[in-house]
Amino acid sequence: MPDSDLLIFLVQDVRIGIPAVMIDHVFRMVAVTPLHEAPPGIIGIINYHGEIFPVFSFRKYFSLQNKSLSPKDYLLIVQSERSLAIIADYIEGVFNLSGEIIPPEKIDPGIQGITGFYRCKDGLLVVTHPQDLISLTDQKKIQAMKEFLAI
């Protein structure tokens, strides 16, 4: 992913970047309807312009310290083949990364959902692609849930 514009945001102290072109909208937190037995990382759903979006939490996904949702938090609306809303504590901005992204296999072959890591002057940046965060099986579960709720 060299020469890519990424939206950089923080979750706890972890800096995360996703392709900026995938971001439809960024806004402050809204009410999230919790889901029981949701796929990994999914904490609930929201209604975004009449469409049901799963809400993804890197805190849950990376086993970070849990915190209550706050009106100060952000939701990043990602429109792609696997659309979702991602929770962020803070938005740093859009940056163009040029250079080598370290593949996750070099650090741990078992890492999933991560495209790689980028060395910054002040630490590491976790680079991910939203389609890697939700498996096809989990996407089918989410689609079935959306169809059920549309009744």
C-alpha atoms as a PDB file:
ATOM      1  CA  MET A   1       0.000   0.000   0.000  1.00  0.00           C
ATOM      2  CA  PRO A   2       2.788   2.509  -0.733  1.00  0.00           C
ATOM      3  CA  ASP A   3       1.811   6.093  -1.602  1.00  0.00           C
ATOM      4  CA  SER A   4      -1.624   5.747  -0.003  1.00  0.00           C
ATOM      5  CA  ASP A   5      -3.689   8.339   1.797  1.00  0.00           C
ATOM      6  CA  LEU A   6      -4.782   6.933   5.137  1.00  0.00           C
ATOM      7  CA  LEU A   7      -7.122   8.364   7.731  1.00  0.00           C
ATOM      8  CA  ILE A   8      -5.182   8.101  10.993  1.00  0.00           C
ATOM      9  CA  PHE A   9      -7.077   7.752  14.258  1.00  0.00           C
ATOM     10  CA  LEU A  10      -6.444   6.648  17.826  1.00  0.00           C
ATOM     11  CA  VAL A  11      -8.032   3.933  19.894  1.00  0.00           C
ATOM     12  CA  GLN A  12      -6.596   4.126  23.393  1.00  0.00           C
ATOM     13  CA  ASP A  13      -2.877   4.643  22.582  1.00  0.00           C
ATOM     14  CA  VAL A  14      -2.919   2.642  19.333  1.00  0.00           C
ATOM     15  CA  ARG A  15      -2.587   4.616  16.082  1.00  0.00           C
ATOM     16  CA  ILE A  16      -4.568   3.035  13.268  1.00  0.00           C
ATOM     17  CA  GLY A  17      -4.775   3.940   9.602  1.00  0.00           C
ATOM     18  CA  ILE A  18      -7.362   2.918   7.013  1.00  0.00           C
ATOM     19  CA  PRO A  19      -7.626   3.977   3.343  1.00  0.00           C
ATOM     20  CA  ALA A  20      -9.144   7.465   3.348  1.00  0.00           C
ATOM     21  CA  VAL A  21     -11.075   6.821   0.125  1.00  0.00           C
ATOM     22  CA  MET A  22     -13.233   4.317   1.989  1.00  0.00           C
ATOM     23  CA  ILE A  23     -14.480   6.869   4.524  1.00  0.00           C
ATOM     24  CA  ASP A  24     -17.963   8.130   3.721  1.00  0.00           C
ATOM     25  CA  HIS A  25     -18.443  10.276   6.795  1.00  0.00           C
ATOM     26  CA  VAL A  26     -17.036  10.982  10.271  1.00  0.00           C
ATOM     27  CA  PHE A  27     -19.284  12.139  13.095  1.00  0.00           C
ATOM     28  CA  ARG A  28     -19.616  12.063  16.869  1.00  0.00           C
ATOM     29  CA  MET A  29     -20.909   8.954  18.606  1.00  0.00           C
ATOM     30  CA  VAL A  30     -24.585   8.084  18.441  1.00  0.00           C
ATOM     31  CA  ALA A  31     -26.602   5.482  20.327  1.00  0.00           C
ATOM     32  CA  VAL A  32     -25.489   1.934  19.515  1.00  0.00           C
ATOM     33  CA  THR A  33     -27.866  -1.014  19.805  1.00  0.00           C
ATOM     34  CA  PRO A  34     -25.869  -3.862  21.387  1.00  0.00           C
ATOM     35  CA  LEU A  35     -25.795  -7.309  19.787  1.00  0.00           C
ATOM     36  CA  HIS A  36     -25.616 -10.609  21.630  1.00  0.00           C
ATOM     37  CA  GLU A  37     -23.038 -13.093  20.280  1.00  0.00           C
ATOM     38  CA  ALA A  38     -21.795 -10.658  17.632  1.00  0.00           C
ATOM     39  CA  PRO A  39     -18.818 -11.405  15.360  1.00  0.00           C
ATOM     40  CA  PRO A  40     -15.343 -10.478  16.701  1.00  0.00           C
ATOM     41  CA  GLY A  41     -14.966  -6.730  17.137  1.00  0.00           C
ATOM     42  CA  ILE A  42     -18.651  -5.932  16.539  1.00  0.00           C
ATOM     43  CA  ILE A  43     -20.319  -4.336  19.565  1.00  0.00           C
ATOM     44  CA  GLY A  44     -23.671  -3.449  18.039  1.00  0.00           C
ATOM     45  CA  ILE A  45     -25.484  -1.718  15.204  1.00  0.00           C
ATOM     46  CA  ILE A  46     -26.582   1.785  14.190  1.00  0.00           C
ATOM     47  CA  ASN A  47     -29.054   3.175  11.700  1.00  0.00           C
ATOM     48  CA  TYR A  48     -27.156   5.276   9.153  1.00  0.00           C
ATOM     49  CA  HIS A  49     -29.513   7.002   6.698  1.00  0.00           C
ATOM     50  CA  GLY A  50     -31.957   4.095   6.868  1.00  0.00           C
ATOM     51  CA  GLU A  51     -29.309   1.378   6.511  1.00  0.00           C
ATOM     52  CA  ILE A  52     -28.145  -0.905   9.323  1.00  0.00           C
ATOM     53  CA  PHE A  53     -24.386  -0.687   9.949  1.00  0.00           C
ATOM     54  CA  PRO A  54     -22.422  -2.938  12.304  1.00  0.00           C
ATOM     55  CA  VAL A  55     -20.311  -0.950  14.782  1.00  0.00           C
ATOM     56  CA  PHE A  56     -16.723  -2.171  15.058  1.00  0.00           C
ATOM     57  CA  SER A  57     -14.522  -1.620  18.116  1.00  0.00           C
ATOM     58  CA  PHE A  58     -10.760  -2.048  17.943  1.00  0.00           C
ATOM     59  CA  ARG A  59     -10.843  -2.146  21.757  1.00  0.00           C
ATOM     60  CA  LYS A  60     -12.768  -5.399  21.631  1.00  0.00           C
ATOM     61  CA  TYR A  61     -10.832  -6.679  18.602  1.00  0.00           C
ATOM     62  CA  PHE A  62      -7.371  -6.028  20.115  1.00  0.00           C
ATOM     63  CA  SER A  63      -8.459  -6.860  23.698  1.00  0.00           C
ATOM     64  CA  LEU A  64      -7.712  -3.311  24.848  1.00  0.00           C
ATOM     65  CA  GLN A  65      -9.127  -1.868  28.056  1.00  0.00           C
ATOM     66  CA  ASN A  66     -12.869  -1.457  27.649  1.00  0.00           C
ATOM     67  CA  LYS A  67     -14.506   1.934  28.140  1.00  0.00           C
ATOM     68  CA  SER A  68     -18.035   3.204  27.873  1.00  0.00           C
ATOM     69  CA  LEU A  69     -19.025   4.913  24.652  1.00  0.00           C
ATOM     70  CA  SER A  70     -18.922   8.686  24.961  1.00  0.00           C
ATOM     71  CA  PRO A  71     -20.406  11.552  22.938  1.00  0.00           C
ATOM     72  CA  LYS A  72     -16.760  12.632  22.507  1.00  0.00           C
ATOM     73  CA  ASP A  73     -15.961   9.436  20.567  1.00  0.00           C
ATOM     74  CA  TYR A  74     -16.150   9.324  16.776  1.00  0.00           C
ATOM     75  CA  LEU A  75     -17.755   6.971  14.297  1.00  0.00           C
ATOM     76  CA  LEU A  76     -16.038   6.473  10.952  1.00  0.00           C
ATOM     77  CA  ILE A  77     -18.530   5.322   8.339  1.00  0.00           C
ATOM     78  CA  VAL A  78     -16.807   2.979   5.903  1.00  0.00           C
ATOM     79  CA  GLN A  79     -18.596   2.277   2.620  1.00  0.00           C
ATOM     80  CA  SER A  80     -17.191  -0.798   0.906  1.00  0.00           C
ATOM     81  CA  GLU A  81     -18.160  -4.367   0.155  1.00  0.00           C
ATOM     82  CA  ARG A  82     -18.260  -4.796   3.945  1.00  0.00           C
ATOM     83  CA  SER A  83     -19.649  -1.487   5.181  1.00  0.00           C
ATOM     84  CA  LEU A  84     -19.334  -0.715   8.865  1.00  0.00           C
ATOM     85  CA  ALA A  85     -18.926   2.031  11.447  1.00  0.00           C
ATOM     86  CA  ILE A  86     -15.595   2.100  13.310  1.00  0.00           C
ATOM     87  CA  ILE A  87     -15.229   3.682  16.745  1.00  0.00           C
ATOM     88  CA  ALA A  88     -12.319   6.103  17.231  1.00  0.00           C
ATOM     89  CA  ASP A  89     -11.222   8.049  20.306  1.00  0.00           C
ATOM     90  CA  TYR A  90      -9.455  10.764  18.329  1.00  0.00           C
ATOM     91  CA  ILE A  91      -8.923  11.656  14.651  1.00  0.00           C
ATOM     92  CA  GLU A  92      -5.379  12.714  13.722  1.00  0.00           C
ATOM     93  CA  GLY A  93      -6.066  13.423  10.047  1.00  0.00           C
ATOM     94  CA  VAL A  94      -5.255  12.152   6.573  1.00  0.00           C
ATOM     95  CA  PHE A  95      -1.639  11.363   5.787  1.00  0.00           C
ATOM     96  CA  ASN A  96       0.130  10.049   2.731  1.00  0.00           C
ATOM     97  CA  LEU A  97       2.348   7.126   3.617  1.00  0.00           C
ATOM     98  CA  SER A  98       5.190   6.332   1.336  1.00  0.00           C
ATOM     99  CA  GLY A  99       7.609   3.603   2.144  1.00  0.00           C
ATOM    100  CA  GLU A 100       7.565   0.060   3.319  1.00  0.00           C
ATOM    101  CA  ILE A 101       4.689  -1.371   5.274  1.00  0.00           C
ATOM    102  CA  ILE A 102       5.867  -4.298   7.390  1.00  0.00           C
ATOM    103  CA  PRO A 103       3.643  -7.328   6.713  1.00  0.00           C
ATOM    104  CA  PRO A 104       2.039  -8.818   9.841  1.00  0.00           C
ATOM    105  CA  GLU A 105       3.615 -12.227   9.154  1.00  0.00           C
ATOM    106  CA  LYS A 106       7.038 -10.757   9.969  1.00  0.00           C
ATOM    107  CA  ILE A 107       5.835 -10.023  13.502  1.00  0.00           C
ATOM    108  CA  ASP A 108       3.430 -12.899  14.173  1.00  0.00           C
ATOM    109  CA  PRO A 109       2.000 -15.312  11.572  1.00  0.00           C
ATOM    110  CA  GLY A 110      -1.293 -15.495  13.505  1.00  0.00           C
ATOM    111  CA  ILE A 111      -2.222 -11.805  13.231  1.00  0.00           C
ATOM    112  CA  GLN A 112      -5.514 -11.330  11.404  1.00  0.00           C
ATOM    113  CA  GLY A 113      -7.301  -8.211  10.223  1.00  0.00           C
ATOM    114  CA  ILE A 114      -4.092  -6.212   9.871  1.00  0.00           C
ATOM    115  CA  THR A 115      -2.552  -5.192   6.541  1.00  0.00           C
ATOM    116  CA  GLY A 116       0.723  -4.295   8.202  1.00  0.00           C
ATOM    117  CA  PHE A 117       2.699  -1.886  10.334  1.00  0.00           C
ATOM    118  CA  TYR A 118       4.324   1.390   9.332  1.00  0.00           C
ATOM    119  CA  ARG A 119       7.284   2.910  11.178  1.00  0.00           C
ATOM    120  CA  CYS A 120       6.686   6.552  12.067  1.00  0.00           C
ATOM    121  CA  LYS A 121       9.109   8.938  13.739  1.00  0.00           C
ATOM    122  CA  ASP A 122       7.076   8.706  16.937  1.00  0.00           C
ATOM    123  CA  GLY A 123       6.113   5.022  16.937  1.00  0.00           C
ATOM    124  CA  LEU A 124       4.217   2.436  14.949  1.00  0.00           C
ATOM    125  CA  LEU A 125       1.067   2.808  12.927  1.00  0.00           C
ATOM    126  CA  VAL A 126      -1.249  -0.178  12.526  1.00  0.00           C
ATOM    127  CA  VAL A 127      -2.476  -0.255   8.921  1.00  0.00           C
ATOM    128  CA  THR A 128      -5.670  -2.129   8.188  1.00  0.00           C
ATOM    129  CA  HIS A 129      -8.265  -2.491   5.484  1.00  0.00           C
ATOM    130  CA  PRO A 130     -11.892  -2.689   6.662  1.00  0.00           C
ATOM    131  CA  GLN A 131     -12.631  -5.750   4.514  1.00  0.00           C
ATOM    132  CA  ASP A 132     -10.022  -7.663   6.560  1.00  0.00           C
ATOM    133  CA  LEU A 133     -11.802  -6.935   9.837  1.00  0.00           C
ATOM    134  CA  ILE A 134     -14.961  -8.920   9.122  1.00  0.00           C
ATOM    135  CA  SER A 135     -14.787 -12.409   7.654  1.00  0.00           C
ATOM    136  CA  LEU A 136     -17.094 -13.494   4.849  1.00  0.00           C
ATOM    137  CA  THR A 137     -18.873 -15.826   7.290  1.00  0.00           C
ATOM    138  CA  ASP A 138     -19.435 -12.973   9.733  1.00  0.00           C
ATOM    139  CA  GLN A 139     -20.543 -10.723   6.861  1.00  0.00           C
ATOM    140  CA  LYS A 140     -23.215 -13.290   5.999  1.00  0.00           C
ATOM    141  CA  LYS A 141     -24.387 -13.264   9.641  1.00  0.00           C
ATOM    142  CA  ILE A 142     -24.569  -9.469   9.554  1.00  0.00           C
ATOM    143  CA  GLN A 143     -26.472  -9.555   6.251  1.00  0.00           C
ATOM    144  CA  ALA A 144     -28.971 -12.060   7.699  1.00  0.00           C
ATOM    145  CA  MET A 145     -29.435  -9.793  10.712  1.00  0.00           C
ATOM    146  CA  LYS A 146     -30.021  -6.780   8.434  1.00  0.00           C
ATOM    147  CA  GLU A 147     -32.625  -8.726   6.458  1.00  0.00           C
ATOM    148  CA  PHE A 148     -34.345  -9.808   9.677  1.00  0.00           C
ATOM    149  CA  LEU A 149     -34.462  -6.204  10.962  1.00  0.00           C
ATOM    150  CA  ALA A 150     -35.854  -4.920   7.664  1.00  0.00           C
ATOM    151  CA  ILE A 151     -39.043  -6.934   8.139  1.00  0.00           C
END
